């Protein structure tokens, strides 16, 4: 039962989202001045993983979940030259919806990954990805969501064509010194 649910979620990630939307989202990440990533509660891990991958590839990537301040403090400088990627799944966080509202009112490109077009955060989206997260258990299944975010990150990586090689070499140098693998 669980395996079938996971397969259906991956299929929804593939069939619900258009290549053009991935290209537009990649354009937003590559060409925006600042790039923000946000997801609360169970979505925090998705946002954290995306932040980590994007930060390795691009400059000016910010984790709007920085615990030293609220998301609204972290997004205070967002503008029409920026983009934000928000993860929002049931049970939807009103904090995520207000962060999307704040970014939208600032004119930023708002990219959402959620379960349906009628989700609260989708109303603010410039680009919306939908993925089924159904699970026979009490928690959402994020396997399909992981497919969407990895597709976005792969698109950014292809677009920048190794422009981050020196950055990654510098990171690896210090990880090697500290034996952090």
N, C-alpha and C. Protein backbone atom coordinates (compact mmCIF):
# COMPACT_ATOMS: atom_id res chain seq x y z
N UNK A 1 0.83 -1.20 0.00
CA UNK A 1 0.00 0.00 0.00
C UNK A 1 0.87 1.26 0.00
N UNK A 2 1.89 1.31 0.87
CA UNK A 2 2.76 2.48 0.93
C UNK A 2 3.53 2.66 -0.38
N UNK A 3 4.07 1.56 -0.93
CA UNK A 3 4.83 1.65 -2.17
C UNK A 3 3.97 2.20 -3.31
N UNK A 4 2.73 1.77 -3.39
CA UNK A 4 1.83 2.28 -4.42
C UNK A 4 1.57 3.77 -4.23
N UNK A 5 1.38 4.19 -2.99
CA UNK A 5 1.18 5.61 -2.68
C UNK A 5 2.38 6.44 -3.11
N UNK A 6 3.58 5.96 -2.83
CA UNK A 6 4.81 6.67 -3.22
C UNK A 6 4.91 6.77 -4.74
N UNK A 7 4.62 5.68 -5.44
CA UNK A 7 4.65 5.70 -6.90
C UNK A 7 3.68 6.72 -7.46
N UNK A 8 2.49 6.78 -6.90
CA UNK A 8 1.49 7.75 -7.36
C UNK A 8 1.95 9.18 -7.10
N UNK A 9 2.61 9.41 -5.98
CA UNK A 9 3.10 10.75 -5.67
C UNK A 9 4.21 11.17 -6.63
N UNK A 10 5.10 10.26 -6.96
CA UNK A 10 6.15 10.57 -7.94
C UNK A 10 5.53 10.83 -9.30
N UNK A 11 4.56 10.02 -9.68
CA UNK A 11 3.88 10.23 -10.95
C UNK A 11 3.21 11.61 -10.98
N UNK A 12 2.60 12.02 -9.87
CA UNK A 12 1.95 13.34 -9.84
C UNK A 12 2.98 14.45 -10.00
N UNK A 13 4.16 14.25 -9.43
CA UNK A 13 5.22 15.26 -9.56
C UNK A 13 5.63 15.42 -11.02
N UNK A 14 5.65 14.32 -11.74
CA UNK A 14 6.05 14.35 -13.15
C UNK A 14 4.91 14.87 -14.03
N UNK A 15 3.70 14.38 -13.81
CA UNK A 15 2.60 14.72 -14.71
C UNK A 15 1.95 16.08 -14.42
N UNK A 16 2.02 16.58 -13.20
CA UNK A 16 1.34 17.84 -12.85
C UNK A 16 2.11 19.09 -13.23
N UNK A 17 3.38 18.96 -13.54
CA UNK A 17 4.23 20.15 -13.68
C UNK A 17 4.88 20.20 -15.05
N UNK A 18 4.80 21.38 -15.65
CA UNK A 18 5.27 21.57 -17.02
C UNK A 18 6.74 21.97 -17.06
N UNK A 19 7.39 21.53 -18.10
CA UNK A 19 8.80 21.86 -18.31
C UNK A 19 9.00 23.39 -18.34
N UNK A 20 8.05 24.09 -18.95
CA UNK A 20 8.16 25.56 -19.04
C UNK A 20 8.20 26.19 -17.64
N UNK A 21 7.45 25.61 -16.70
CA UNK A 21 7.45 26.15 -15.34
C UNK A 21 8.80 25.91 -14.67
N UNK A 22 9.39 24.75 -14.91
CA UNK A 22 10.73 24.51 -14.38
C UNK A 22 11.72 25.52 -14.96
N UNK A 23 11.62 25.76 -16.26
CA UNK A 23 12.53 26.72 -16.90
C UNK A 23 12.35 28.13 -16.33
N UNK A 24 11.10 28.52 -16.12
CA UNK A 24 10.84 29.84 -15.54
C UNK A 24 11.38 29.93 -14.11
N UNK A 25 11.23 28.87 -13.34
CA UNK A 25 11.73 28.86 -11.96
C UNK A 25 13.26 28.89 -11.95
N UNK A 26 13.89 28.16 -12.85
CA UNK A 26 15.36 28.19 -12.96
C UNK A 26 15.81 29.59 -13.33
N UNK A 27 15.13 30.21 -14.30
CA UNK A 27 15.45 31.60 -14.67
C UNK A 27 15.37 32.52 -13.46
N UNK A 28 14.32 32.37 -12.67
CA UNK A 28 14.14 33.21 -11.49
C UNK A 28 15.30 33.02 -10.52
N UNK A 29 15.68 31.78 -10.26
CA UNK A 29 16.78 31.54 -9.33
C UNK A 29 18.11 32.07 -9.86
N UNK A 30 18.38 31.85 -11.11
CA UNK A 30 19.67 32.26 -11.67
C UNK A 30 19.75 33.78 -11.82
N UNK A 31 18.65 34.43 -12.20
CA UNK A 31 18.69 35.85 -12.53
C UNK A 31 18.25 36.79 -11.41
N UNK A 32 17.70 36.27 -10.34
CA UNK A 32 17.28 37.14 -9.23
C UNK A 32 18.47 37.65 -8.45
N UNK A 33 18.32 38.82 -7.90
CA UNK A 33 19.35 39.39 -7.04
C UNK A 33 19.50 38.54 -5.78
N UNK A 34 18.41 38.35 -5.05
CA UNK A 34 18.40 37.52 -3.85
C UNK A 34 17.41 36.40 -4.04
N UNK A 35 17.75 35.24 -3.49
CA UNK A 35 16.91 34.06 -3.58
C UNK A 35 16.60 33.61 -2.16
N UNK A 36 15.33 33.48 -1.83
CA UNK A 36 14.90 33.08 -0.48
C UNK A 36 14.22 31.72 -0.57
N UNK A 37 14.37 30.94 0.49
CA UNK A 37 13.71 29.64 0.58
C UNK A 37 13.02 29.58 1.94
N UNK A 38 11.76 29.09 1.95
CA UNK A 38 11.01 29.02 3.21
C UNK A 38 10.08 27.81 3.26
N UNK A 39 10.04 27.19 4.41
CA UNK A 39 9.09 26.12 4.69
C UNK A 39 9.04 25.92 6.18
N UNK A 40 7.86 25.85 6.75
CA UNK A 40 7.74 25.72 8.20
C UNK A 40 7.34 24.31 8.61
N UNK A 41 7.56 24.02 9.87
CA UNK A 41 7.21 22.74 10.50
C UNK A 41 7.70 21.55 9.68
N UNK A 42 6.84 20.66 9.22
CA UNK A 42 7.28 19.47 8.49
C UNK A 42 7.94 19.83 7.16
N UNK A 43 7.68 21.02 6.65
CA UNK A 43 8.26 21.48 5.39
C UNK A 43 9.66 22.07 5.58
N UNK A 44 10.07 22.23 6.81
CA UNK A 44 11.36 22.82 7.14
C UNK A 44 12.51 22.03 6.50
N UNK A 45 12.44 20.71 6.55
CA UNK A 45 13.50 19.88 5.98
C UNK A 45 13.64 20.06 4.48
N UNK A 46 12.51 20.17 3.79
CA UNK A 46 12.55 20.42 2.35
C UNK A 46 13.21 21.75 2.04
N UNK A 47 12.82 22.77 2.80
CA UNK A 47 13.40 24.10 2.60
C UNK A 47 14.89 24.11 2.93
N UNK A 48 15.25 23.44 4.00
CA UNK A 48 16.65 23.39 4.42
C UNK A 48 17.51 22.71 3.35
N UNK A 49 17.04 21.59 2.82
CA UNK A 49 17.77 20.87 1.78
C UNK A 49 17.91 21.73 0.52
N UNK A 50 16.84 22.40 0.13
CA UNK A 50 16.89 23.25 -1.05
C UNK A 50 17.86 24.41 -0.85
N UNK A 51 17.78 25.02 0.32
CA UNK A 51 18.72 26.12 0.65
C UNK A 51 20.16 25.64 0.51
N UNK A 52 20.46 24.50 1.11
CA UNK A 52 21.82 23.96 1.07
C UNK A 52 22.30 23.77 -0.37
N UNK A 53 21.48 23.13 -1.20
CA UNK A 53 21.87 22.87 -2.58
C UNK A 53 22.03 24.16 -3.38
N UNK A 54 21.05 25.07 -3.25
CA UNK A 54 21.12 26.34 -4.00
C UNK A 54 22.30 27.20 -3.53
N UNK A 55 22.57 27.18 -2.23
CA UNK A 55 23.68 27.97 -1.67
C UNK A 55 25.02 27.49 -2.22
N UNK A 56 25.13 26.19 -2.50
CA UNK A 56 26.36 25.65 -3.09
C UNK A 56 26.55 26.12 -4.53
N UNK A 57 25.46 26.46 -5.20
CA UNK A 57 25.53 26.82 -6.62
C UNK A 57 25.49 28.31 -6.89
N UNK A 58 24.76 29.06 -6.07
CA UNK A 58 24.48 30.46 -6.38
C UNK A 58 24.88 31.39 -5.23
N UNK A 59 25.03 32.64 -5.55
CA UNK A 59 25.25 33.67 -4.54
C UNK A 59 23.91 34.21 -4.06
N UNK A 60 23.93 34.83 -2.91
CA UNK A 60 22.77 35.53 -2.36
C UNK A 60 21.54 34.64 -2.19
N UNK A 61 21.77 33.45 -1.63
CA UNK A 61 20.68 32.54 -1.29
C UNK A 61 20.49 32.63 0.21
N UNK A 62 19.24 32.84 0.64
CA UNK A 62 18.94 33.05 2.06
C UNK A 62 17.87 32.08 2.53
N UNK A 63 18.08 31.56 3.74
CA UNK A 63 17.13 30.67 4.38
C UNK A 63 16.22 31.53 5.24
N UNK A 64 15.00 31.75 4.77
CA UNK A 64 14.07 32.64 5.49
C UNK A 64 13.63 32.04 6.82
N UNK A 65 14.03 30.82 7.09
CA UNK A 65 13.74 30.17 8.37
C UNK A 65 14.83 30.42 9.41
N UNK A 66 15.73 31.32 9.14
CA UNK A 66 16.81 31.61 10.09
C UNK A 66 16.21 31.80 11.48
N UNK A 67 16.60 30.98 12.45
CA UNK A 67 15.94 31.02 13.76
C UNK A 67 16.20 32.27 14.59
N UNK A 68 17.15 33.08 14.18
CA UNK A 68 17.43 34.30 14.95
C UNK A 68 16.37 35.37 14.76
N UNK A 69 15.50 35.18 13.77
CA UNK A 69 14.47 36.18 13.49
C UNK A 69 13.26 35.50 12.86
N UNK A 70 12.15 36.21 12.80
CA UNK A 70 10.95 35.67 12.17
C UNK A 70 11.14 35.67 10.65
N UNK A 71 10.31 34.92 9.92
CA UNK A 71 10.42 34.97 8.46
C UNK A 71 10.20 36.39 7.93
N UNK A 72 9.42 37.18 8.64
CA UNK A 72 9.14 38.53 8.17
C UNK A 72 10.34 39.45 8.36
N UNK A 73 11.14 39.21 9.41
CA UNK A 73 12.41 39.91 9.55
C UNK A 73 13.35 39.49 8.43
N UNK A 74 13.39 38.19 8.16
CA UNK A 74 14.28 37.67 7.13
C UNK A 74 13.89 38.12 5.72
N UNK A 75 12.62 38.43 5.52
CA UNK A 75 12.14 38.86 4.21
C UNK A 75 11.94 40.38 4.10
N UNK A 76 12.37 41.11 5.10
CA UNK A 76 12.10 42.56 5.14
C UNK A 76 12.65 43.31 3.94
N UNK A 77 13.72 42.80 3.34
CA UNK A 77 14.35 43.49 2.20
C UNK A 77 13.97 42.91 0.84
N UNK A 78 13.04 41.96 0.81
CA UNK A 78 12.68 41.34 -0.46
C UNK A 78 12.08 42.39 -1.41
N UNK A 79 12.42 42.27 -2.69
CA UNK A 79 11.96 43.26 -3.66
C UNK A 79 11.60 42.59 -4.98
N UNK A 80 11.27 43.40 -5.95
CA UNK A 80 10.89 42.90 -7.27
C UNK A 80 12.08 42.34 -8.05
N UNK A 81 13.27 42.44 -7.51
CA UNK A 81 14.44 41.85 -8.15
C UNK A 81 14.79 40.49 -7.56
N UNK A 82 13.94 39.99 -6.66
CA UNK A 82 14.21 38.78 -5.91
C UNK A 82 13.20 37.69 -6.21
N UNK A 83 13.49 36.48 -5.71
CA UNK A 83 12.53 35.39 -5.79
C UNK A 83 12.50 34.65 -4.46
N UNK A 84 11.40 33.94 -4.24
CA UNK A 84 11.26 33.12 -3.05
C UNK A 84 10.63 31.80 -3.46
N UNK A 85 11.13 30.72 -2.87
CA UNK A 85 10.55 29.40 -3.05
C UNK A 85 9.95 28.99 -1.71
N UNK A 86 8.64 28.69 -1.73
CA UNK A 86 7.94 28.30 -0.50
C UNK A 86 7.38 26.89 -0.64
N UNK A 87 7.53 26.11 0.42
CA UNK A 87 6.95 24.77 0.51
C UNK A 87 5.76 24.87 1.45
N UNK A 88 4.60 24.38 1.02
CA UNK A 88 3.41 24.43 1.86
C UNK A 88 2.51 23.24 1.58
N UNK A 89 2.34 22.41 2.58
CA UNK A 89 1.52 21.21 2.46
C UNK A 89 0.62 21.11 3.69
N UNK A 90 -0.44 20.29 3.58
CA UNK A 90 -1.33 20.14 4.73
C UNK A 90 -0.54 19.64 5.95
N UNK A 91 -0.86 20.15 7.01
CA UNK A 91 -1.74 21.21 7.45
C UNK A 91 -1.02 22.52 7.20
N UNK A 92 -1.60 23.32 6.37
CA UNK A 92 -0.95 24.53 5.87
C UNK A 92 -0.62 25.52 6.99
N UNK A 93 0.55 26.10 6.90
CA UNK A 93 0.98 27.09 7.88
C UNK A 93 0.56 28.49 7.41
N UNK A 94 -0.11 29.22 8.27
CA UNK A 94 -0.47 30.60 7.91
C UNK A 94 0.78 31.46 7.79
N UNK A 95 1.85 31.10 8.49
CA UNK A 95 3.10 31.85 8.38
C UNK A 95 3.62 31.81 6.95
N UNK A 96 3.52 30.65 6.32
CA UNK A 96 3.97 30.51 4.94
C UNK A 96 3.10 31.36 4.00
N UNK A 97 1.81 31.36 4.26
CA UNK A 97 0.90 32.17 3.43
C UNK A 97 1.22 33.66 3.57
N UNK A 98 1.49 34.12 4.79
CA UNK A 98 1.82 35.53 4.98
C UNK A 98 3.19 35.89 4.39
N UNK A 99 4.13 34.94 4.42
CA UNK A 99 5.42 35.18 3.78
C UNK A 99 5.23 35.32 2.27
N UNK A 100 4.37 34.48 1.68
CA UNK A 100 4.07 34.58 0.25
C UNK A 100 3.40 35.91 -0.06
N UNK A 101 2.49 36.34 0.79
CA UNK A 101 1.80 37.62 0.62
C UNK A 101 2.80 38.77 0.65
N UNK A 102 3.71 38.73 1.62
CA UNK A 102 4.72 39.78 1.76
C UNK A 102 5.60 39.85 0.50
N UNK A 103 6.05 38.68 0.02
CA UNK A 103 6.91 38.63 -1.16
C UNK A 103 6.16 39.09 -2.40
N UNK A 104 4.91 38.67 -2.53
CA UNK A 104 4.09 39.05 -3.68
C UNK A 104 3.87 40.57 -3.71
N UNK A 105 3.55 41.13 -2.57
CA UNK A 105 3.33 42.59 -2.50
C UNK A 105 4.60 43.38 -2.80
N UNK A 106 5.76 42.76 -2.55
CA UNK A 106 7.04 43.42 -2.86
C UNK A 106 7.39 43.28 -4.34
N UNK A 107 6.63 42.46 -5.07
CA UNK A 107 6.88 42.26 -6.50
C UNK A 107 7.86 41.14 -6.80
N UNK A 108 8.25 40.37 -5.79
CA UNK A 108 9.18 39.26 -6.00
C UNK A 108 8.50 38.13 -6.78
N UNK A 109 9.29 37.33 -7.45
CA UNK A 109 8.78 36.13 -8.08
C UNK A 109 8.53 35.10 -6.98
N UNK A 110 7.31 34.64 -6.87
CA UNK A 110 6.92 33.69 -5.82
C UNK A 110 6.75 32.31 -6.47
N UNK A 111 7.60 31.38 -6.04
CA UNK A 111 7.55 30.01 -6.54
C UNK A 111 7.03 29.15 -5.40
N UNK A 112 5.97 28.40 -5.65
CA UNK A 112 5.42 27.54 -4.60
C UNK A 112 5.48 26.08 -5.01
N UNK A 113 5.69 25.25 -4.02
CA UNK A 113 5.55 23.81 -4.20
C UNK A 113 4.55 23.39 -3.13
N UNK A 114 3.39 22.94 -3.60
CA UNK A 114 2.29 22.60 -2.71
C UNK A 114 1.51 21.42 -3.31
N UNK A 115 0.45 21.00 -2.66
CA UNK A 115 -0.25 19.81 -3.11
C UNK A 115 -1.38 20.07 -4.11
N UNK A 116 -1.86 21.31 -4.17
CA UNK A 116 -2.96 21.57 -5.10
C UNK A 116 -3.01 23.06 -5.45
N UNK A 117 -3.59 23.35 -6.57
CA UNK A 117 -3.68 24.75 -7.04
C UNK A 117 -4.54 25.61 -6.12
N UNK A 118 -5.42 24.98 -5.36
CA UNK A 118 -6.29 25.74 -4.45
C UNK A 118 -5.70 25.88 -3.04
N UNK A 119 -4.47 25.43 -2.84
CA UNK A 119 -3.82 25.60 -1.54
C UNK A 119 -3.66 27.09 -1.25
N UNK A 120 -3.73 27.51 0.01
CA UNK A 120 -3.67 28.94 0.33
C UNK A 120 -2.47 29.68 -0.26
N UNK A 121 -1.30 29.08 -0.23
CA UNK A 121 -0.09 29.75 -0.72
C UNK A 121 -0.09 29.90 -2.24
N UNK A 122 -0.81 29.03 -2.95
CA UNK A 122 -0.82 29.06 -4.42
C UNK A 122 -1.43 30.35 -4.97
N UNK A 123 -2.27 31.00 -4.20
CA UNK A 123 -2.89 32.25 -4.66
C UNK A 123 -1.85 33.35 -4.91
N UNK A 124 -0.68 33.23 -4.31
CA UNK A 124 0.37 34.25 -4.44
C UNK A 124 1.44 33.86 -5.46
N UNK A 125 1.31 32.69 -6.04
CA UNK A 125 2.38 32.13 -6.87
C UNK A 125 2.50 32.77 -8.24
N UNK A 126 3.72 33.10 -8.60
CA UNK A 126 4.06 33.44 -9.98
C UNK A 126 4.25 32.14 -10.76
N UNK A 127 4.81 31.14 -10.07
CA UNK A 127 5.04 29.81 -10.62
C UNK A 127 4.62 28.82 -9.53
N UNK A 128 3.71 27.92 -9.87
CA UNK A 128 3.22 26.95 -8.87
C UNK A 128 3.47 25.52 -9.34
N UNK A 129 4.11 24.75 -8.49
CA UNK A 129 4.28 23.33 -8.72
C UNK A 129 3.35 22.60 -7.76
N UNK A 130 2.70 21.55 -8.27
CA UNK A 130 1.83 20.76 -7.40
C UNK A 130 2.30 19.31 -7.38
N UNK A 131 2.22 18.73 -6.19
CA UNK A 131 2.65 17.36 -5.97
C UNK A 131 1.73 16.73 -4.94
N UNK A 132 1.24 15.55 -5.23
CA UNK A 132 0.44 14.83 -4.25
C UNK A 132 1.36 14.33 -3.14
N UNK A 133 0.95 14.47 -1.92
CA UNK A 133 1.74 14.02 -0.77
C UNK A 133 0.96 13.00 0.06
N UNK A 134 -0.03 12.35 -0.58
CA UNK A 134 -0.86 11.38 0.12
C UNK A 134 -0.02 10.26 0.70
N UNK A 135 -0.47 9.79 1.85
CA UNK A 135 0.21 8.71 2.53
C UNK A 135 -0.82 7.95 3.35
N UNK A 136 -0.66 6.63 3.47
CA UNK A 136 -1.58 5.87 4.32
C UNK A 136 -1.30 6.07 5.81
N UNK A 137 -0.31 6.87 6.13
CA UNK A 137 0.09 7.09 7.51
C UNK A 137 -0.27 8.51 7.95
N UNK A 138 0.06 8.88 9.14
CA UNK A 138 -0.30 10.19 9.67
C UNK A 138 0.54 11.33 9.09
N UNK A 139 1.62 11.01 8.39
CA UNK A 139 2.51 12.03 7.83
C UNK A 139 2.40 12.08 6.32
N UNK A 140 2.76 13.23 5.76
CA UNK A 140 2.80 13.41 4.32
C UNK A 140 4.00 12.66 3.73
N UNK A 141 3.88 12.22 2.51
CA UNK A 141 4.98 11.59 1.79
C UNK A 141 5.62 12.64 0.89
N UNK A 142 6.88 12.96 1.12
CA UNK A 142 7.55 14.01 0.37
C UNK A 142 8.45 13.48 -0.75
N UNK A 143 8.29 12.23 -1.13
CA UNK A 143 9.12 11.65 -2.18
C UNK A 143 8.92 12.40 -3.50
N UNK A 144 7.69 12.68 -3.87
CA UNK A 144 7.42 13.42 -5.10
C UNK A 144 7.92 14.86 -5.03
N UNK A 145 7.82 15.45 -3.86
CA UNK A 145 8.32 16.82 -3.66
C UNK A 145 9.83 16.86 -3.86
N UNK A 146 10.50 15.84 -3.35
CA UNK A 146 11.96 15.75 -3.52
C UNK A 146 12.32 15.70 -5.01
N UNK A 147 11.50 15.02 -5.80
CA UNK A 147 11.73 14.98 -7.25
C UNK A 147 11.66 16.39 -7.85
N UNK A 148 10.66 17.17 -7.46
CA UNK A 148 10.50 18.53 -7.98
C UNK A 148 11.69 19.40 -7.58
N UNK A 149 12.08 19.36 -6.32
CA UNK A 149 13.17 20.23 -5.91
C UNK A 149 14.50 19.80 -6.53
N UNK A 150 14.72 18.50 -6.71
CA UNK A 150 15.95 18.06 -7.36
C UNK A 150 15.95 18.43 -8.84
N UNK A 151 14.78 18.41 -9.48
CA UNK A 151 14.69 18.83 -10.87
C UNK A 151 15.03 20.31 -11.00
N UNK A 152 14.55 21.12 -10.06
CA UNK A 152 14.89 22.55 -10.05
C UNK A 152 16.39 22.75 -9.86
N UNK A 153 16.96 22.06 -8.89
CA UNK A 153 18.39 22.21 -8.62
C UNK A 153 19.24 21.72 -9.79
N UNK A 154 18.82 20.62 -10.43
CA UNK A 154 19.54 20.14 -11.61
C UNK A 154 19.48 21.16 -12.74
N UNK A 155 18.33 21.81 -12.88
CA UNK A 155 18.19 22.85 -13.91
C UNK A 155 19.11 24.03 -13.65
N UNK A 156 19.21 24.44 -12.38
CA UNK A 156 20.13 25.53 -12.04
C UNK A 156 21.57 25.11 -12.32
N UNK A 157 21.92 23.89 -11.91
CA UNK A 157 23.28 23.40 -12.13
C UNK A 157 23.64 23.38 -13.62
N UNK A 158 22.71 22.90 -14.45
CA UNK A 158 22.95 22.90 -15.90
C UNK A 158 23.10 24.32 -16.44
N UNK A 159 22.28 25.21 -15.93
CA UNK A 159 22.29 26.59 -16.44
C UNK A 159 23.59 27.31 -16.12
N UNK A 160 24.13 27.08 -14.93
CA UNK A 160 25.35 27.82 -14.54
C UNK A 160 26.62 27.15 -15.07
N UNK A 161 26.51 25.92 -15.54
CA UNK A 161 27.60 25.19 -16.21
C UNK A 161 28.94 25.29 -15.48
N UNK A 162 28.96 24.94 -14.23
CA UNK A 162 30.22 24.89 -13.50
C UNK A 162 30.74 26.23 -13.02
N UNK A 163 29.94 27.27 -13.11
CA UNK A 163 30.38 28.60 -12.66
C UNK A 163 30.69 28.61 -11.17
N UNK A 164 30.25 27.61 -10.45
CA UNK A 164 30.47 27.54 -9.00
C UNK A 164 31.64 26.64 -8.63
N UNK A 165 32.46 26.23 -9.59
CA UNK A 165 33.54 25.27 -9.34
C UNK A 165 34.51 25.77 -8.27
N UNK A 166 34.91 27.03 -8.33
CA UNK A 166 35.84 27.57 -7.33
C UNK A 166 35.21 27.60 -5.94
N UNK A 167 33.94 27.95 -5.89
CA UNK A 167 33.23 27.98 -4.61
C UNK A 167 33.21 26.59 -3.99
N UNK A 168 32.85 25.58 -4.80
CA UNK A 168 32.79 24.22 -4.29
C UNK A 168 34.17 23.70 -3.90
N UNK A 169 35.20 24.08 -4.65
CA UNK A 169 36.57 23.68 -4.32
C UNK A 169 36.99 24.28 -2.97
N UNK A 170 36.62 25.52 -2.73
CA UNK A 170 36.95 26.18 -1.47
C UNK A 170 36.22 25.51 -0.29
N UNK A 171 34.93 25.20 -0.49
CA UNK A 171 34.17 24.50 0.55
C UNK A 171 34.82 23.15 0.84
N UNK A 172 35.15 22.40 -0.21
CA UNK A 172 35.76 21.07 -0.04
C UNK A 172 37.09 21.14 0.69
N UNK A 173 37.86 22.20 0.42
CA UNK A 173 39.16 22.34 1.09
C UNK A 173 38.98 22.37 2.61
N UNK A 174 38.04 23.14 3.07
CA UNK A 174 37.83 23.26 4.51
C UNK A 174 37.11 22.04 5.10
N UNK A 175 36.22 21.45 4.36
CA UNK A 175 35.58 20.21 4.83
C UNK A 175 36.62 19.11 4.97
N UNK A 176 37.59 19.08 4.07
CA UNK A 176 38.66 18.09 4.13
C UNK A 176 39.56 18.33 5.33
N UNK A 177 39.91 19.58 5.57
CA UNK A 177 40.75 19.92 6.73
C UNK A 177 40.08 19.48 8.02
N UNK A 178 38.79 19.73 8.13
CA UNK A 178 38.04 19.41 9.35
C UNK A 178 37.51 17.98 9.37
N UNK A 179 37.73 17.24 8.27
CA UNK A 179 37.24 15.86 8.15
C UNK A 179 35.73 15.78 8.33
N UNK A 180 35.02 16.72 7.72
CA UNK A 180 33.56 16.75 7.75
C UNK A 180 33.04 16.21 6.41
N UNK A 181 32.64 14.98 6.41
CA UNK A 181 32.19 14.35 5.16
C UNK A 181 30.74 13.98 5.24
